[in-house]
Amino acid sequence: IAGIIAASTNNAIGIAGACWGCKIMVVRISSCPSGTCQIPVLNLSKGIVYATNNGASIISISTAYASGTTNLTTLNETTIYANQNNVVLIAAAGNQNNNPLNEAIYPGSYPTVLGVGGLFDNGTKWITTSTVGSNYGQWVDISAPAYKVVSTLRNGSIGITGGGHSGTSFAAPFVAGEAGLILSRWPNLLKKQVE
Protein backbone atom coordinates (compact mmCIF):
# COMPACT_ATOMS: atom_id res chain seq x y z
CA ILE A 1 0.00 0.00 0.00
CA ALA A 2 2.80 2.42 0.91
CA GLY A 3 4.59 1.67 -2.37
CA ILE A 4 1.48 2.44 -4.43
CA ILE A 5 1.20 5.77 -2.65
CA ALA A 6 4.81 6.91 -2.43
CA ALA A 7 7.48 4.58 -3.88
CA SER A 8 10.52 6.55 -5.03
CA THR A 9 10.77 7.43 -8.70
CA ASN A 10 13.52 7.98 -11.27
CA ASN A 11 15.74 5.32 -9.68
CA ALA A 12 15.46 2.47 -12.23
CA ILE A 13 13.83 0.20 -9.62
CA GLY A 14 10.60 -1.07 -11.11
CA ILE A 15 7.81 1.31 -10.09
CA ALA A 16 6.96 4.83 -9.02
CA GLY A 17 4.38 5.73 -6.41
CA ALA A 18 1.45 7.96 -7.33
CA CYS A 19 2.89 10.67 -5.04
CA TRP A 20 6.57 9.73 -5.04
CA GLY A 21 7.61 12.64 -2.77
CA CYS A 22 4.88 12.20 -0.18
CA LYS A 23 5.68 11.26 3.40
CA ILE A 24 4.03 8.17 4.88
CA MET A 25 2.93 7.82 8.50
CA VAL A 26 2.54 4.13 9.23
CA VAL A 27 -0.06 3.47 11.95
CA ARG A 28 -0.20 -0.13 13.12
CA ILE A 29 -3.76 -1.08 14.05
CA SER A 30 -3.49 -4.88 14.05
CA SER A 31 -1.03 -7.69 14.61
CA CYS A 32 -2.72 -9.81 11.92
CA PRO A 33 -0.51 -11.03 9.10
CA SER A 34 -1.60 -9.25 5.92
CA GLY A 35 -4.99 -10.43 4.67
CA THR A 36 -5.54 -13.16 7.28
CA CYS A 37 -8.03 -11.56 9.66
CA GLN A 38 -10.54 -8.73 9.93
CA ILE A 39 -9.15 -5.67 11.71
CA PRO A 40 -11.37 -4.72 14.66
CA VAL A 41 -13.39 -1.55 14.00
CA LEU A 42 -12.24 0.07 17.24
CA ASN A 43 -8.59 -0.44 16.19
CA LEU A 44 -9.26 1.41 12.94
CA SER A 45 -11.01 4.20 14.86
CA LYS A 46 -8.04 4.56 17.20
CA GLY A 47 -5.68 4.62 14.21
CA ILE A 48 -7.67 7.39 12.51
CA VAL A 49 -7.66 9.47 15.69
CA TYR A 50 -3.91 8.91 16.15
CA ALA A 51 -3.09 9.90 12.56
CA THR A 52 -5.39 12.94 12.75
CA ASN A 53 -3.85 14.10 16.04
CA ASN A 54 -0.34 13.66 14.64
CA GLY A 55 -0.71 15.78 11.53
CA ALA A 56 -1.89 13.42 8.78
CA SER A 57 -3.43 15.26 5.82
CA ILE A 58 -4.73 12.12 4.10
CA ILE A 59 -5.64 8.72 5.51
CA SER A 60 -5.80 5.70 3.21
CA ILE A 61 -7.93 2.82 4.53
CA SER A 62 -7.66 -0.59 2.87
CA THR A 63 -10.24 -2.40 4.96
CA ALA A 64 -14.03 -2.44 4.78
CA TYR A 65 -16.91 -3.51 7.03
CA ALA A 66 -20.44 -4.69 6.23
CA SER A 67 -23.45 -3.04 7.84
CA GLY A 68 -24.24 -4.64 11.16
CA THR A 69 -20.58 -4.83 12.19
CA THR A 70 -20.08 -3.89 15.85
CA ASN A 71 -18.87 -0.34 16.65
CA LEU A 72 -19.73 1.28 13.30
CA THR A 73 -21.24 4.23 15.18
CA THR A 74 -17.86 4.86 16.80
CA LEU A 75 -16.16 4.60 13.41
CA ASN A 76 -18.58 7.14 11.95
CA GLU A 77 -17.87 9.53 14.84
CA THR A 78 -14.15 9.06 14.19
CA THR A 79 -14.52 9.94 10.51
CA ILE A 80 -16.48 13.06 11.50
CA TYR A 81 -13.62 14.00 13.85
CA ALA A 82 -11.06 13.62 11.05
CA ASN A 83 -13.32 15.61 8.71
CA GLN A 84 -13.55 18.44 11.26
CA ASN A 85 -9.73 18.48 11.29
CA ASN A 86 -9.52 18.82 7.47
CA VAL A 87 -8.21 15.27 6.93
CA VAL A 88 -9.04 13.58 3.61
CA LEU A 89 -10.26 10.03 4.30
CA ILE A 90 -10.08 7.50 1.47
CA ALA A 91 -11.39 3.94 1.88
CA ALA A 92 -11.61 0.76 -0.16
CA ALA A 93 -15.14 -0.12 -1.30
CA GLY A 94 -14.66 -3.82 -0.56
CA ASN A 95 -14.47 -6.90 -2.78
CA GLN A 96 -17.78 -8.75 -2.44
CA ASN A 97 -19.38 -7.44 -5.68
CA ASN A 98 -22.10 -6.13 -3.32
CA ASN A 99 -23.07 -9.57 -2.12
CA PRO A 100 -25.60 -9.32 -0.48
CA LEU A 101 -26.87 -6.81 -3.02
CA ASN A 102 -27.20 -3.13 -2.21
CA GLU A 103 -25.36 -3.36 1.10
CA ALA A 104 -23.37 -0.26 2.00
CA ILE A 105 -19.79 -0.85 3.11
CA TYR A 106 -18.06 1.19 5.82
CA PRO A 107 -16.18 3.48 6.21
CA GLY A 108 -16.30 4.06 2.43
CA SER A 109 -20.03 4.84 2.42
CA TYR A 110 -19.84 7.53 5.13
CA PRO A 111 -20.34 11.04 3.68
CA THR A 112 -17.02 12.16 5.23
CA VAL A 113 -15.06 9.46 3.34
CA LEU A 114 -14.22 8.93 -0.34
CA GLY A 115 -15.27 5.36 -1.20
CA VAL A 116 -13.00 3.83 -3.86
CA GLY A 117 -14.17 1.16 -6.28
CA GLY A 118 -11.87 -1.02 -8.40
CA LEU A 119 -11.22 -1.17 -12.14
CA PHE A 120 -9.57 -3.44 -14.68
CA ASP A 121 -6.80 -1.91 -16.79
CA ASN A 122 -9.33 -1.07 -19.53
CA GLY A 123 -11.43 1.05 -17.16
CA THR A 124 -14.28 -1.41 -16.62
CA LYS A 125 -15.41 -2.55 -13.17
CA TRP A 126 -13.12 -5.19 -11.66
CA ILE A 127 -15.04 -8.43 -11.12
CA THR A 128 -13.74 -11.99 -10.94
CA THR A 129 -16.86 -13.97 -9.97
CA SER A 130 -20.41 -13.19 -8.86
CA THR A 131 -19.14 -12.83 -5.28
CA VAL A 132 -15.65 -11.41 -5.91
CA GLY A 133 -15.32 -7.97 -7.42
CA SER A 134 -15.49 -4.30 -6.61
CA ASN A 135 -18.47 -3.22 -4.58
CA TYR A 136 -20.47 -0.48 -6.25
CA GLY A 137 -23.31 1.93 -5.69
CA GLN A 138 -24.05 5.62 -5.33
CA TRP A 139 -21.82 5.76 -2.26
CA VAL A 140 -18.71 4.88 -4.32
CA ASP A 141 -17.16 8.26 -5.16
CA ILE A 142 -14.28 7.30 -7.46
CA SER A 143 -12.56 4.24 -8.93
CA ALA A 144 -8.93 3.31 -9.53
CA PRO A 145 -6.86 0.31 -10.71
CA ALA A 146 -7.59 -2.84 -8.70
CA TYR A 147 -6.44 -5.69 -10.96
CA LYS A 148 -3.03 -7.35 -10.64
CA VAL A 149 -1.46 -4.30 -9.00
CA VAL A 150 2.31 -4.57 -8.59
CA SER A 151 4.10 -2.64 -5.85
CA THR A 152 7.01 -2.71 -3.44
CA LEU A 153 7.53 -5.65 -1.09
CA ARG A 154 8.79 -5.74 2.49
CA ASN A 155 12.10 -7.29 1.44
CA GLY A 156 12.91 -4.27 -0.74
CA SER A 157 12.04 -5.90 -4.06
CA ILE A 158 9.34 -5.09 -6.59
CA GLY A 159 6.46 -7.25 -7.73
CA ILE A 160 4.03 -9.73 -6.29
CA THR A 161 3.86 -13.46 -6.97
CA GLY A 162 1.34 -14.22 -9.69
CA GLY A 163 1.68 -10.83 -11.37
CA GLY A 164 0.07 -8.68 -8.68
CA HIS A 165 -2.74 -8.51 -6.16
CA SER A 166 -6.31 -7.58 -6.99
CA GLY A 167 -8.86 -5.74 -4.86
CA THR A 168 -10.08 -2.34 -3.80
CA SER A 169 -7.45 -2.31 -1.04
CA PHE A 170 -5.03 -1.57 -3.87
CA ALA A 171 -7.31 1.00 -5.55
CA ALA A 172 -7.62 3.22 -2.46
CA PRO A 173 -3.89 4.08 -2.24
CA PHE A 174 -3.87 5.26 -5.88
CA VAL A 175 -6.53 7.81 -4.90
CA ALA A 176 -4.62 8.72 -1.72
CA GLY A 177 -1.50 9.32 -3.80
CA GLU A 178 -3.43 11.58 -6.17
CA ALA A 179 -4.81 13.52 -3.20
CA GLY A 180 -1.21 13.86 -2.01
CA LEU A 181 -0.17 15.28 -5.38
CA ILE A 182 -2.99 17.82 -5.17
CA LEU A 183 -1.94 18.91 -1.67
CA SER A 184 1.72 19.00 -2.77
CA ARG A 185 0.80 21.60 -5.39
CA TRP A 186 -1.82 23.48 -3.34
CA PRO A 187 -1.09 22.82 0.36
CA ASN A 188 -3.73 25.22 1.69
CA LEU A 189 -6.72 23.54 0.08
CA LEU A 190 -9.58 22.45 2.27
CA LYS A 191 -10.59 18.79 2.42
CA LYS A 192 -13.63 19.32 0.19
CA GLN A 193 -11.49 21.12 -2.40
CA VAL A 194 -9.07 18.17 -2.53
CA GLU A 195 -11.96 15.74 -2.89
C-alpha atoms as a PDB file:
ATOM      1  CA  ILE A   1       0.000   0.000   0.000  1.00  0.00           C
ATOM      2  CA  ALA A   2       2.795   2.419   0.914  1.00  0.00           C
ATOM      3  CA  GLY A   3       4.586   1.666  -2.372  1.00  0.00           C
ATOM      4  CA  ILE A   4       1.483   2.437  -4.431  1.00  0.00           C
ATOM      5  CA  ILE A   5       1.205   5.771  -2.652  1.00  0.00           C
ATOM      6  CA  ALA A   6       4.807   6.911  -2.432  1.00  0.00           C
ATOM      7  CA  ALA A   7       7.480   4.580  -3.881  1.00  0.00           C
ATOM      8  CA  SER A   8      10.520   6.552  -5.033  1.00  0.00           C
ATOM      9  CA  THR A   9      10.767   7.426  -8.698  1.00  0.00           C
ATOM     10  CA  ASN A  10      13.521   7.982 -11.268  1.00  0.00           C
ATOM     11  CA  ASN A  11      15.743   5.324  -9.679  1.00  0.00           C
ATOM     12  CA  ALA A  12      15.463   2.469 -12.232  1.00  0.00           C
ATOM     13  CA  ILE A  13      13.832   0.204  -9.619  1.00  0.00           C
ATOM     14  CA  GLY A  14      10.598  -1.067 -11.109  1.00  0.00           C
ATOM     15  CA  ILE A  15       7.806   1.307 -10.092  1.00  0.00           C
ATOM     16  CA  ALA A  16       6.964   4.834  -9.016  1.00  0.00           C
ATOM     17  CA  GLY A  17       4.379   5.735  -6.412  1.00  0.00           C
ATOM     18  CA  ALA A  18       1.445   7.961  -7.327  1.00  0.00           C
ATOM     19  CA  CYS A  19       2.893  10.669  -5.043  1.00  0.00           C
ATOM     20  CA  TRP A  20       6.569   9.733  -5.039  1.00  0.00           C
ATOM     21  CA  GLY A  21       7.610  12.638  -2.770  1.00  0.00           C
ATOM     22  CA  CYS A  22       4.881  12.199  -0.177  1.00  0.00           C
ATOM     23  CA  LYS A  23       5.681  11.262   3.396  1.00  0.00           C
ATOM     24  CA  ILE A  24       4.034   8.170   4.881  1.00  0.00           C
ATOM     25  CA  MET A  25       2.926   7.822   8.504  1.00  0.00           C
ATOM     26  CA  VAL A  26       2.535   4.130   9.231  1.00  0.00           C
ATOM     27  CA  VAL A  27      -0.056   3.467  11.951  1.00  0.00           C
ATOM     28  CA  ARG A  28      -0.204  -0.131  13.119  1.00  0.00           C
ATOM     29  CA  ILE A  29      -3.762  -1.077  14.047  1.00  0.00           C
ATOM     30  CA  SER A  30      -3.490  -4.881  14.050  1.00  0.00           C
ATOM     31  CA  SER A  31      -1.035  -7.691  14.614  1.00  0.00           C
ATOM     32  CA  CYS A  32      -2.722  -9.806  11.921  1.00  0.00           C
ATOM     33  CA  PRO A  33      -0.513 -11.033   9.097  1.00  0.00           C
ATOM     34  CA  SER A  34      -1.602  -9.249   5.919  1.00  0.00           C
ATOM     35  CA  GLY A  35      -4.993 -10.427   4.666  1.00  0.00           C
ATOM     36  CA  THR A  36      -5.543 -13.163   7.279  1.00  0.00           C
ATOM     37  CA  CYS A  37      -8.033 -11.555   9.661  1.00  0.00           C
ATOM     38  CA  GLN A  38     -10.542  -8.725   9.932  1.00  0.00           C
ATOM     39  CA  ILE A  39      -9.148  -5.674  11.711  1.00  0.00           C
ATOM     40  CA  PRO A  40     -11.374  -4.720  14.665  1.00  0.00           C
ATOM     41  CA  VAL A  41     -13.395  -1.547  13.999  1.00  0.00           C
ATOM     42  CA  LEU A  42     -12.237   0.066  17.241  1.00  0.00           C
ATOM     43  CA  ASN A  43      -8.594  -0.442  16.191  1.00  0.00           C
ATOM     44  CA  LEU A  44      -9.263   1.407  12.935  1.00  0.00           C
ATOM     45  CA  SER A  45     -11.013   4.196  14.862  1.00  0.00           C
ATOM     46  CA  LYS A  46      -8.037   4.561  17.197  1.00  0.00           C
ATOM     47  CA  GLY A  47      -5.681   4.622  14.210  1.00  0.00           C
ATOM     48  CA  ILE A  48      -7.668   7.388  12.505  1.00  0.00           C
ATOM     49  CA  VAL A  49      -7.659   9.474  15.689  1.00  0.00           C
ATOM     50  CA  TYR A  50      -3.914   8.909  16.152  1.00  0.00           C
ATOM     51  CA  ALA A  51      -3.095   9.899  12.558  1.00  0.00           C
ATOM     52  CA  THR A  52      -5.391  12.941  12.749  1.00  0.00           C
ATOM     53  CA  ASN A  53      -3.846  14.099  16.037  1.00  0.00           C
ATOM     54  CA  ASN A  54      -0.337  13.662  14.642  1.00  0.00           C
ATOM     55  CA  GLY A  55      -0.707  15.778  11.530  1.00  0.00           C
ATOM     56  CA  ALA A  56      -1.887  13.421   8.776  1.00  0.00           C
ATOM     57  CA  SER A  57      -3.434  15.263   5.822  1.00  0.00           C
ATOM     58  CA  ILE A  58      -4.731  12.119   4.100  1.00  0.00           C
ATOM     59  CA  ILE A  59      -5.645   8.715   5.513  1.00  0.00           C
ATOM     60  CA  SER A  60      -5.800   5.696   3.207  1.00  0.00           C
ATOM     61  CA  ILE A  61      -7.933   2.816   4.531  1.00  0.00           C
ATOM     62  CA  SER A  62      -7.657  -0.595   2.869  1.00  0.00           C
ATOM     63  CA  THR A  63     -10.243  -2.400   4.956  1.00  0.00           C
ATOM     64  CA  ALA A  64     -14.031  -2.442   4.784  1.00  0.00           C
ATOM     65  CA  TYR A  65     -16.909  -3.514   7.029  1.00  0.00           C
ATOM     66  CA  ALA A  66     -20.439  -4.686   6.229  1.00  0.00           C
ATOM     67  CA  SER A  67     -23.449  -3.042   7.842  1.00  0.00           C
ATOM     68  CA  GLY A  68     -24.241  -4.644  11.163  1.00  0.00           C
ATOM     69  CA  THR A  69     -20.579  -4.834  12.192  1.00  0.00           C
ATOM     70  CA  THR A  70     -20.080  -3.889  15.850  1.00  0.00           C
ATOM     71  CA  ASN A  71     -18.866  -0.345  16.649  1.00  0.00           C
ATOM     72  CA  LEU A  72     -19.730   1.276  13.297  1.00  0.00           C
ATOM     73  CA  THR A  73     -21.238   4.234  15.179  1.00  0.00           C
ATOM     74  CA  THR A  74     -17.860   4.857  16.804  1.00  0.00           C
ATOM     75  CA  LEU A  75     -16.156   4.598  13.407  1.00  0.00           C
ATOM     76  CA  ASN A  76     -18.580   7.144  11.951  1.00  0.00           C
ATOM     77  CA  GLU A  77     -17.868   9.535  14.845  1.00  0.00           C
ATOM     78  CA  THR A  78     -14.151   9.055  14.187  1.00  0.00           C
ATOM     79  CA  THR A  79     -14.522   9.942  10.508  1.00  0.00           C
ATOM     80  CA  ILE A  80     -16.477  13.062  11.502  1.00  0.00           C
ATOM     81  CA  TYR A  81     -13.622  14.005  13.852  1.00  0.00           C
ATOM     82  CA  ALA A  82     -11.063  13.620  11.052  1.00  0.00           C
ATOM     83  CA  ASN A  83     -13.324  15.609   8.711  1.00  0.00           C
ATOM     84  CA  GLN A  84     -13.552  18.435  11.262  1.00  0.00           C
ATOM     85  CA  ASN A  85      -9.731  18.481  11.287  1.00  0.00           C
ATOM     86  CA  ASN A  86      -9.520  18.821   7.473  1.00  0.00           C
ATOM     87  CA  VAL A  87      -8.212  15.267   6.933  1.00  0.00           C
ATOM     88  CA  VAL A  88      -9.044  13.581   3.611  1.00  0.00           C
ATOM     89  CA  LEU A  89     -10.264  10.034   4.301  1.00  0.00           C
ATOM     90  CA  ILE A  90     -10.082   7.499   1.472  1.00  0.00           C
ATOM     91  CA  ALA A  91     -11.394   3.943   1.884  1.00  0.00           C
ATOM     92  CA  ALA A  92     -11.613   0.764  -0.162  1.00  0.00           C
ATOM     93  CA  ALA A  93     -15.139  -0.119  -1.304  1.00  0.00           C
ATOM     94  CA  GLY A  94     -14.658  -3.824  -0.563  1.00  0.00           C
ATOM     95  CA  ASN A  95     -14.465  -6.896  -2.778  1.00  0.00           C
ATOM     96  CA  GLN A  96     -17.778  -8.751  -2.445  1.00  0.00           C
ATOM     97  CA  ASN A  97     -19.385  -7.441  -5.676  1.00  0.00           C
ATOM     98  CA  ASN A  98     -22.101  -6.134  -3.321  1.00  0.00           C
ATOM     99  CA  ASN A  99     -23.073  -9.567  -2.122  1.00  0.00           C
ATOM    100  CA  PRO A 100     -25.600  -9.315  -0.481  1.00  0.00           C
ATOM    101  CA  LEU A 101     -26.871  -6.808  -3.021  1.00  0.00           C
ATOM    102  CA  ASN A 102     -27.197  -3.129  -2.207  1.00  0.00           C
ATOM    103  CA  GLU A 103     -25.359  -3.358   1.100  1.00  0.00           C
ATOM    104  CA  ALA A 104     -23.370  -0.264   1.999  1.00  0.00           C
ATOM    105  CA  ILE A 105     -19.788  -0.846   3.111  1.00  0.00           C
ATOM    106  CA  TYR A 106     -18.058   1.190   5.818  1.00  0.00           C
ATOM    107  CA  PRO A 107     -16.179   3.477   6.207  1.00  0.00           C
ATOM    108  CA  GLY A 108     -16.297   4.064   2.427  1.00  0.00           C
ATOM    109  CA  SER A 109     -20.026   4.844   2.415  1.00  0.00           C
ATOM    110  CA  TYR A 110     -19.841   7.528   5.129  1.00  0.00           C
ATOM    111  CA  PRO A 111     -20.340  11.040   3.679  1.00  0.00           C
ATOM    112  CA  THR A 112     -17.023  12.165   5.226  1.00  0.00           C
ATOM    113  CA  VAL A 113     -15.064   9.458   3.345  1.00  0.00           C
ATOM    114  CA  LEU A 114     -14.223   8.927  -0.337  1.00  0.00           C
ATOM    115  CA  GLY A 115     -15.269   5.361  -1.195  1.00  0.00           C
ATOM    116  CA  VAL A 116     -13.001   3.825  -3.857  1.00  0.00           C
ATOM    117  CA  GLY A 117     -14.168   1.157  -6.281  1.00  0.00           C
ATOM    118  CA  GLY A 118     -11.869  -1.017  -8.401  1.00  0.00           C
ATOM    119  CA  LEU A 119     -11.216  -1.167 -12.138  1.00  0.00           C
ATOM    120  CA  PHE A 120      -9.573  -3.437 -14.679  1.00  0.00           C
ATOM    121  CA  ASP A 121      -6.800  -1.911 -16.795  1.00  0.00           C
ATOM    122  CA  ASN A 122      -9.327  -1.073 -19.527  1.00  0.00           C
ATOM    123  CA  GLY A 123     -11.434   1.049 -17.159  1.00  0.00           C
ATOM    124  CA  THR A 124     -14.285  -1.407 -16.622  1.00  0.00           C
ATOM    125  CA  LYS A 125     -15.413  -2.555 -13.168  1.00  0.00           C
ATOM    126  CA  TRP A 126     -13.119  -5.186 -11.656  1.00  0.00           C
ATOM    127  CA  ILE A 127     -15.039  -8.425 -11.115  1.00  0.00           C
ATOM    128  CA  THR A 128     -13.737 -11.989 -10.941  1.00  0.00           C
ATOM    129  CA  THR A 129     -16.865 -13.974  -9.973  1.00  0.00           C
ATOM    130  CA  SER A 130     -20.406 -13.191  -8.858  1.00  0.00           C
ATOM    131  CA  THR A 131     -19.144 -12.834  -5.280  1.00  0.00           C
ATOM    132  CA  VAL A 132     -15.646 -11.409  -5.907  1.00  0.00           C
ATOM    133  CA  GLY A 133     -15.318  -7.974  -7.425  1.00  0.00           C
ATOM    134  CA  SER A 134     -15.491  -4.300  -6.607  1.00  0.00           C
ATOM    135  CA  ASN A 135     -18.473  -3.223  -4.579  1.00  0.00           C
ATOM    136  CA  TYR A 136     -20.466  -0.477  -6.253  1.00  0.00           C
ATOM    137  CA  GLY A 137     -23.313   1.932  -5.685  1.00  0.00           C
ATOM    138  CA  GLN A 138     -24.054   5.622  -5.326  1.00  0.00           C
ATOM    139  CA  TRP A 139     -21.825   5.760  -2.257  1.00  0.00           C
ATOM    140  CA  VAL A 140     -18.714   4.884  -4.321  1.00  0.00           C
ATOM    141  CA  ASP A 141     -17.160   8.259  -5.164  1.00  0.00           C
ATOM    142  CA  ILE A 142     -14.283   7.296  -7.462  1.00  0.00           C
ATOM    143  CA  SER A 143     -12.558   4.235  -8.925  1.00  0.00           C
ATOM    144  CA  ALA A 144      -8.931   3.310  -9.530  1.00  0.00           C
ATOM    145  CA  PRO A 145      -6.859   0.306 -10.710  1.00  0.00           C
ATOM    146  CA  ALA A 146      -7.587  -2.836  -8.699  1.00  0.00           C
ATOM    147  CA  TYR A 147      -6.443  -5.687 -10.958  1.00  0.00           C
ATOM    148  CA  LYS A 148      -3.027  -7.350 -10.639  1.00  0.00           C
ATOM    149  CA  VAL A 149      -1.465  -4.305  -8.998  1.00  0.00           C
ATOM    150  CA  VAL A 150       2.309  -4.575  -8.587  1.00  0.00           C
ATOM    151  CA  SER A 151       4.101  -2.642  -5.855  1.00  0.00           C
ATOM    152  CA  THR A 152       7.009  -2.707  -3.443  1.00  0.00           C
ATOM    153  CA  LEU A 153       7.531  -5.647  -1.093  1.00  0.00           C
ATOM    154  CA  ARG A 154       8.788  -5.745   2.487  1.00  0.00           C
ATOM    155  CA  ASN A 155      12.105  -7.288   1.444  1.00  0.00           C
ATOM    156  CA  GLY A 156      12.907  -4.273  -0.743  1.00  0.00           C
ATOM    157  CA  SER A 157      12.044  -5.897  -4.064  1.00  0.00           C
ATOM    158  CA  ILE A 158       9.335  -5.088  -6.593  1.00  0.00           C
ATOM    159  CA  GLY A 159       6.458  -7.252  -7.730  1.00  0.00           C
ATOM    160  CA  ILE A 160       4.034  -9.732  -6.290  1.00  0.00           C
ATOM    161  CA  THR A 161       3.860 -13.462  -6.966  1.00  0.00           C
ATOM    162  CA  GLY A 162       1.344 -14.220  -9.688  1.00  0.00           C
ATOM    163  CA  GLY A 163       1.683 -10.829 -11.367  1.00  0.00           C
ATOM    164  CA  GLY A 164       0.071  -8.680  -8.681  1.00  0.00           C
ATOM    165  CA  HIS A 165      -2.741  -8.514  -6.164  1.00  0.00           C
ATOM    166  CA  SER A 166      -6.311  -7.576  -6.993  1.00  0.00           C
ATOM    167  CA  GLY A 167      -8.856  -5.742  -4.859  1.00  0.00           C
ATOM    168  CA  THR A 168     -10.078  -2.336  -3.804  1.00  0.00           C
ATOM    169  CA  SER A 169      -7.454  -2.310  -1.043  1.00  0.00           C
ATOM    170  CA  PHE A 170      -5.034  -1.571  -3.872  1.00  0.00           C
ATOM    171  CA  ALA A 171      -7.306   1.004  -5.546  1.00  0.00           C
ATOM    172  CA  ALA A 172      -7.616   3.222  -2.458  1.00  0.00           C
ATOM    173  CA  PRO A 173      -3.888   4.079  -2.239  1.00  0.00           C
ATOM    174  CA  PHE A 174      -3.870   5.260  -5.885  1.00  0.00           C
ATOM    175  CA  VAL A 175      -6.527   7.811  -4.905  1.00  0.00           C
ATOM    176  CA  ALA A 176      -4.624   8.718  -1.720  1.00  0.00           C
ATOM    177  CA  GLY A 177      -1.503   9.321  -3.800  1.00  0.00           C
ATOM    178  CA  GLU A 178      -3.426  11.582  -6.172  1.00  0.00           C
ATOM    179  CA  ALA A 179      -4.810  13.520  -3.195  1.00  0.00           C
ATOM    180  CA  GLY A 180      -1.209  13.856  -2.010  1.00  0.00           C
ATOM    181  CA  LEU A 181      -0.171  15.282  -5.378  1.00  0.00           C
ATOM    182  CA  ILE A 182      -2.990  17.822  -5.172  1.00  0.00           C
ATOM    183  CA  LEU A 183      -1.935  18.913  -1.675  1.00  0.00           C
ATOM    184  CA  SER A 184       1.715  19.004  -2.768  1.00  0.00           C
ATOM    185  CA  ARG A 185       0.802  21.598  -5.388  1.00  0.00           C
ATOM    186  CA  TRP A 186      -1.825  23.476  -3.344  1.00  0.00           C
ATOM    187  CA  PRO A 187      -1.088  22.816   0.362  1.00  0.00           C
ATOM    188  CA  ASN A 188      -3.725  25.217   1.689  1.00  0.00           C
ATOM    189  CA  LEU A 189      -6.723  23.536   0.084  1.00  0.00           C
ATOM    190  CA  LEU A 190      -9.581  22.450   2.271  1.00  0.00           C
ATOM    191  CA  LYS A 191     -10.594  18.793   2.416  1.00  0.00           C
ATOM    192  CA  LYS A 192     -13.632  19.323   0.186  1.00  0.00           C
ATOM    193  CA  GLN A 193     -11.485  21.119  -2.396  1.00  0.00           C
ATOM    194  CA  VAL A 194      -9.065  18.173  -2.527  1.00  0.00           C
ATOM    195  CA  GLU A 195     -11.962  15.736  -2.895  1.00  0.00           C
END
